[in-house]
Amino acid sequence: MAVDKVTATWIEDLVFDSQIGENTIRVQGSVAKGPRQGPGPKALLLSSLTGCTGMDVVSLMDKMRVQYDGFEVIAEAELTDEHPKNYKSIQLTYIVKGPKAKEKADKVKKSVDLSLDRYCGVAYMLRKHCPITYEIQYQD
């Protein structure tokens, strides 16, 4: 069984360094004093989601021979008003760039659906808490 391990070390105020393998990410609370040193924990959750589904979609589009020149995933999430503040909905926007990408829109959609429904573990975990919706945009 695979195990992920992250160690968060307090730096100052509401600033922590999260050690993930050989990588370090500085995390800062939204009400921390001083200059911004890193993203907040909830933003990192969205980063994990966009990275996870993005890797899936790119891999699947490659297998389905979709030609694209660039690709982005944007996550926007609505927070609850009360504590504990958490996401009540997440909207993903997939942006597929390149003049030929739209010709295989059916395969792009299939790639996104497979990612969100079968492969992306982050989406699987978050979907148990709040709805995740998406749209696909094409740019030449």
Protein backbone atom coordinates (compact mmCIF):
# COMPACT_ATOMS: atom_id res chain seq x y z
CA MET A 1 0.00 0.00 0.00
CA ALA A 2 1.36 3.41 -1.01
CA VAL A 3 1.66 6.02 1.72
CA ASP A 4 2.14 9.76 1.27
CA LYS A 5 3.92 11.66 4.02
CA VAL A 6 4.01 15.42 4.52
CA THR A 7 5.73 17.21 7.42
CA ALA A 8 4.67 20.78 8.25
CA THR A 9 7.24 22.77 10.21
CA TRP A 10 6.26 26.05 11.88
CA ILE A 11 8.35 29.01 10.68
CA GLU A 12 6.63 32.04 12.26
CA ASP A 13 3.15 33.41 12.89
CA LEU A 14 0.87 31.39 10.58
CA VAL A 15 3.65 30.32 8.20
CA PHE A 16 4.70 26.69 7.75
CA ASP A 17 7.07 24.87 5.43
CA SER A 18 5.56 21.64 4.18
CA GLN A 19 8.14 19.03 3.29
CA ILE A 20 6.88 16.66 0.61
CA GLY A 21 9.63 14.22 -0.31
CA GLU A 22 12.49 16.37 -1.60
CA ASN A 23 10.25 19.40 -2.18
CA THR A 24 9.27 22.20 0.18
CA ILE A 25 6.17 24.38 -0.13
CA ARG A 26 5.68 27.40 2.09
CA VAL A 27 2.08 27.64 3.32
CA GLN A 28 0.61 30.72 4.96
CA GLY A 29 -2.71 31.34 6.65
CA SER A 30 -4.93 34.07 5.23
CA VAL A 31 -4.76 36.18 8.40
CA ALA A 32 -1.00 35.91 8.88
CA LYS A 33 0.98 39.06 9.63
CA GLY A 34 3.56 40.47 7.24
CA PRO A 35 4.15 39.92 3.53
CA ARG A 36 2.63 36.98 1.69
CA GLN A 37 5.09 34.07 1.73
CA GLY A 38 3.02 31.33 0.17
CA PRO A 39 -0.43 30.09 -0.74
CA GLY A 40 -3.06 29.16 1.80
CA PRO A 41 -3.95 25.55 2.56
CA LYS A 42 -7.28 25.62 0.73
CA ALA A 43 -5.65 27.08 -2.39
CA LEU A 44 -3.16 24.19 -2.30
CA LEU A 45 -6.10 21.80 -2.28
CA LEU A 46 -7.32 23.40 -5.52
CA SER A 47 -3.78 23.22 -6.90
CA SER A 48 -3.75 19.50 -6.14
CA LEU A 49 -7.07 19.10 -7.94
CA THR A 50 -6.01 21.02 -11.06
CA GLY A 51 -2.67 19.23 -11.18
CA CYS A 52 -4.24 15.80 -10.74
CA THR A 53 -6.97 16.20 -13.34
CA GLY A 54 -4.65 18.13 -15.66
CA MET A 55 -2.12 15.28 -15.74
CA ASP A 56 -4.91 12.80 -16.45
CA VAL A 57 -6.45 14.85 -19.24
CA VAL A 58 -3.13 15.55 -20.99
CA SER A 59 -2.18 11.87 -20.79
CA LEU A 60 -5.58 10.76 -22.11
CA MET A 61 -5.62 13.35 -24.91
CA ASP A 62 -2.19 12.13 -25.99
CA LYS A 63 -3.43 8.53 -26.08
CA MET A 64 -6.48 9.64 -28.09
CA ARG A 65 -4.25 11.58 -30.49
CA VAL A 66 -5.75 14.98 -29.77
CA GLN A 67 -3.43 17.67 -31.13
CA TYR A 68 -3.02 20.64 -28.81
CA ASP A 69 -0.42 23.36 -28.31
CA GLY A 70 -1.21 24.31 -24.72
CA PHE A 71 -3.45 23.33 -21.85
CA GLU A 72 -4.63 24.93 -18.60
CA VAL A 73 -7.00 24.03 -15.81
CA ILE A 74 -8.52 26.78 -13.67
CA ALA A 75 -10.35 26.01 -10.42
CA GLU A 76 -12.72 28.46 -8.77
CA ALA A 77 -14.32 27.45 -5.51
CA GLU A 78 -17.00 29.06 -3.39
CA LEU A 79 -16.38 29.10 0.37
CA THR A 80 -19.00 28.78 3.05
CA ASP A 81 -19.59 31.85 5.23
CA GLU A 82 -19.43 30.00 8.55
CA HIS A 83 -16.56 28.20 10.24
CA PRO A 84 -15.10 25.85 9.44
CA LYS A 85 -14.88 27.67 6.10
CA ASN A 86 -14.84 25.05 3.39
CA TYR A 87 -15.71 24.72 -0.26
CA LYS A 88 -19.38 24.31 -1.08
CA SER A 89 -18.79 24.06 -4.85
CA ILE A 90 -15.88 23.86 -7.27
CA GLN A 91 -15.96 24.94 -10.92
CA LEU A 92 -13.18 23.74 -13.24
CA THR A 93 -12.40 25.38 -16.57
CA TYR A 94 -10.29 23.34 -18.97
CA ILE A 95 -8.63 25.48 -21.65
CA VAL A 96 -7.31 23.53 -24.63
CA LYS A 97 -5.12 25.57 -26.97
CA GLY A 98 -4.35 24.96 -30.62
CA PRO A 99 -6.17 25.20 -33.95
CA LYS A 100 -6.81 21.43 -34.24
CA ALA A 101 -7.95 20.67 -30.69
CA LYS A 102 -11.61 21.56 -31.24
CA GLU A 103 -11.80 19.06 -34.13
CA LYS A 104 -11.63 16.31 -31.49
CA ALA A 105 -13.89 17.96 -28.90
CA ASP A 106 -15.58 14.60 -28.23
CA LYS A 107 -12.24 13.07 -27.22
CA VAL A 108 -11.34 16.07 -25.08
CA LYS A 109 -14.68 15.75 -23.25
CA LYS A 110 -14.14 12.01 -22.83
CA SER A 111 -10.68 12.70 -21.37
CA VAL A 112 -12.12 15.16 -18.84
CA ASP A 113 -14.97 12.82 -17.90
CA LEU A 114 -12.60 9.88 -17.42
CA SER A 115 -10.33 12.00 -15.25
CA LEU A 116 -13.09 13.28 -12.99
CA ASP A 117 -15.06 10.03 -12.82
CA ARG A 118 -12.35 7.37 -12.77
CA TYR A 119 -8.72 8.47 -12.46
CA CYS A 120 -8.26 11.64 -10.40
CA GLY A 121 -8.12 10.63 -6.75
CA VAL A 122 -8.21 14.25 -5.59
CA ALA A 123 -11.49 14.85 -7.46
CA TYR A 124 -12.84 11.60 -6.01
CA MET A 125 -12.13 12.76 -2.45
CA LEU A 126 -13.41 16.32 -2.94
CA ARG A 127 -16.57 15.20 -4.75
CA LYS A 128 -17.62 13.40 -1.57
CA HIS A 129 -17.82 16.83 0.06
CA CYS A 130 -19.01 19.22 -2.66
CA PRO A 131 -20.10 19.20 -6.30
CA ILE A 132 -17.45 19.66 -8.99
CA THR A 133 -18.65 21.09 -12.30
CA TYR A 134 -16.65 21.90 -15.41
CA GLU A 135 -16.56 23.58 -18.77
CA ILE A 136 -14.16 23.18 -21.68
CA GLN A 137 -12.93 26.17 -23.68
CA TYR A 138 -10.93 26.12 -26.89
CA GLN A 139 -8.43 28.74 -27.98
CA ASP A 140 -6.71 28.91 -31.35
